[in-house]
Amino acid sequence: MNTSKHSSKNTADLNMPLVCMIPSNVFGSITAKNLGYSKVTLEETIAKGDKECKVIVHFYRTDEAQAAEGKEYFNLMH
């Protein structure tokens, strides 16, 4: 599991879901491409009023990853 944070200086202008979704999709896709699986959870988002994005990336399909709410990514060719 890895944690990454992204913040914006102009959060009033960027109060939309895409601000945190873009890095989460990038992290999820790259991890799945290299490891075969990932699950990404957005623990904090600017759209929900947090001051930054907090993205949790699960590298493997563990019990913890299964229990977490988030988006799963797979590389079926791995």
C-alpha atoms as a PDB file:
ATOM      1  CA  MET A   1       0.000   0.000   0.000  1.00  0.00           C
ATOM      2  CA  ASN A   2       1.215   3.489  -0.813  1.00  0.00           C
ATOM      3  CA  THR A   3      -0.151   6.940   0.054  1.00  0.00           C
ATOM      4  CA  SER A   4       0.123  10.039  -2.091  1.00  0.00           C
ATOM      5  CA  LYS A   5      -1.161  13.555  -1.500  1.00  0.00           C
ATOM      6  CA  HIS A   6      -1.971  16.254  -4.034  1.00  0.00           C
ATOM      7  CA  SER A   7      -3.055  19.761  -3.135  1.00  0.00           C
ATOM      8  CA  SER A   8      -4.146  22.801  -5.106  1.00  0.00           C
ATOM      9  CA  LYS A   9      -3.546  26.465  -4.333  1.00  0.00           C
ATOM     10  CA  ASN A  10      -6.845  27.450  -5.953  1.00  0.00           C
ATOM     11  CA  THR A  11      -9.205  24.932  -4.398  1.00  0.00           C
ATOM     12  CA  ALA A  12     -12.213  27.222  -4.846  1.00  0.00           C
ATOM     13  CA  ASP A  13     -11.719  27.078  -8.627  1.00  0.00           C
ATOM     14  CA  LEU A  14     -10.998  23.349  -8.616  1.00  0.00           C
ATOM     15  CA  ASN A  15     -13.827  22.091  -6.438  1.00  0.00           C
ATOM     16  CA  MET A  16     -14.690  19.152  -8.675  1.00  0.00           C
ATOM     17  CA  PRO A  17     -14.191  15.388  -8.531  1.00  0.00           C
ATOM     18  CA  LEU A  18     -11.686  15.315 -11.409  1.00  0.00           C
ATOM     19  CA  VAL A  19      -8.989  17.041  -9.361  1.00  0.00           C
ATOM     20  CA  CYS A  20      -8.393  13.878  -7.344  1.00  0.00           C
ATOM     21  CA  MET A  21      -9.657  11.357  -9.897  1.00  0.00           C
ATOM     22  CA  ILE A  22      -6.930  12.114 -12.446  1.00  0.00           C
ATOM     23  CA  PRO A  23      -3.968  11.209 -10.218  1.00  0.00           C
ATOM     24  CA  SER A  24      -5.859   8.246  -8.744  1.00  0.00           C
ATOM     25  CA  ASN A  25      -6.525   6.842 -12.236  1.00  0.00           C
ATOM     26  CA  VAL A  26      -2.879   7.332 -13.199  1.00  0.00           C
ATOM     27  CA  PHE A  27      -1.630   5.601 -10.028  1.00  0.00           C
ATOM     28  CA  GLY A  28      -4.122   2.745 -10.400  1.00  0.00           C
ATOM     29  CA  SER A  29      -3.407   2.163 -14.085  1.00  0.00           C
ATOM     30  CA  ILE A  30       0.383   2.238 -13.749  1.00  0.00           C
ATOM     31  CA  THR A  31       0.360  -0.068 -10.730  1.00  0.00           C
ATOM     32  CA  ALA A  32      -1.966  -2.592 -12.385  1.00  0.00           C
ATOM     33  CA  LYS A  33       0.086  -2.513 -15.574  1.00  0.00           C
ATOM     34  CA  ASN A  34       3.217  -3.426 -13.619  1.00  0.00           C
ATOM     35  CA  LEU A  35       1.826  -5.695 -10.888  1.00  0.00           C
ATOM     36  CA  GLY A  36      -1.362  -7.037 -12.457  1.00  0.00           C
ATOM     37  CA  TYR A  37      -3.666  -5.485  -9.842  1.00  0.00           C
ATOM     38  CA  SER A  38      -4.282  -2.355  -7.816  1.00  0.00           C
ATOM     39  CA  LYS A  39      -7.092  -0.793  -5.837  1.00  0.00           C
ATOM     40  CA  VAL A  40      -7.280   2.946  -5.292  1.00  0.00           C
ATOM     41  CA  THR A  41      -9.156   4.667  -2.489  1.00  0.00           C
ATOM     42  CA  LEU A  42      -9.693   8.415  -2.296  1.00  0.00           C
ATOM     43  CA  GLU A  43      -9.502   8.997   1.447  1.00  0.00           C
ATOM     44  CA  GLU A  44      -9.595  12.812   1.182  1.00  0.00           C
ATOM     45  CA  THR A  45     -10.790  14.879  -1.791  1.00  0.00           C
ATOM     46  CA  ILE A  46     -10.928  18.561  -2.597  1.00  0.00           C
ATOM     47  CA  ALA A  47     -14.461  18.066  -3.943  1.00  0.00           C
ATOM     48  CA  LYS A  48     -15.579  16.915  -0.473  1.00  0.00           C
ATOM     49  CA  GLY A  49     -14.056  19.996   1.132  1.00  0.00           C
ATOM     50  CA  ASP A  50     -10.690  18.591   2.157  1.00  0.00           C
ATOM     51  CA  LYS A  51      -7.649  20.788   1.532  1.00  0.00           C
ATOM     52  CA  GLU A  52      -5.895  18.068  -0.490  1.00  0.00           C
ATOM     53  CA  CYS A  53      -6.295  14.708  -2.162  1.00  0.00           C
ATOM     54  CA  LYS A  54      -5.195  11.662  -0.211  1.00  0.00           C
ATOM     55  CA  VAL A  55      -4.923   8.630  -2.462  1.00  0.00           C
ATOM     56  CA  ILE A  56      -4.338   5.150  -1.045  1.00  0.00           C
ATOM     57  CA  VAL A  57      -3.006   2.571  -3.531  1.00  0.00           C
ATOM     58  CA  HIS A  58      -3.201  -1.120  -2.647  1.00  0.00           C
ATOM     59  CA  PHE A  59      -0.661  -3.088  -4.679  1.00  0.00           C
ATOM     60  CA  TYR A  60      -2.086  -6.537  -3.984  1.00  0.00           C
ATOM     61  CA  ARG A  61      -5.531  -8.068  -3.458  1.00  0.00           C
ATOM     62  CA  THR A  62      -5.198  -8.491   0.292  1.00  0.00           C
ATOM     63  CA  ASP A  63      -7.978  -8.669   2.877  1.00  0.00           C
ATOM     64  CA  GLU A  64      -7.333  -4.983   3.603  1.00  0.00           C
ATOM     65  CA  ALA A  65      -7.699  -4.082  -0.078  1.00  0.00           C
ATOM     66  CA  GLN A  66     -10.865  -6.164  -0.365  1.00  0.00           C
ATOM     67  CA  ALA A  67     -12.417  -4.355   2.610  1.00  0.00           C
ATOM     68  CA  ALA A  68     -11.511  -0.869   1.347  1.00  0.00           C
ATOM     69  CA  GLU A  69     -13.930   1.138  -0.766  1.00  0.00           C
ATOM     70  CA  GLY A  70     -12.349   2.137  -4.038  1.00  0.00           C
ATOM     71  CA  LYS A  71     -11.751   1.385  -7.669  1.00  0.00           C
ATOM     72  CA  GLU A  72      -9.976  -1.779  -8.758  1.00  0.00           C
ATOM     73  CA  TYR A  73      -7.626  -1.929 -11.733  1.00  0.00           C
ATOM     74  CA  PHE A  74      -6.498  -5.110 -13.470  1.00  0.00           C
ATOM     75  CA  ASN A  75      -3.943  -5.960 -16.115  1.00  0.00           C
ATOM     76  CA  LEU A  76      -5.344  -9.173 -17.548  1.00  0.00           C
ATOM     77  CA  MET A  77      -2.250  -9.646 -19.708  1.00  0.00           C
ATOM     78  CA  HIS A  78       0.087  -9.733 -16.689  1.00  0.00           C
END
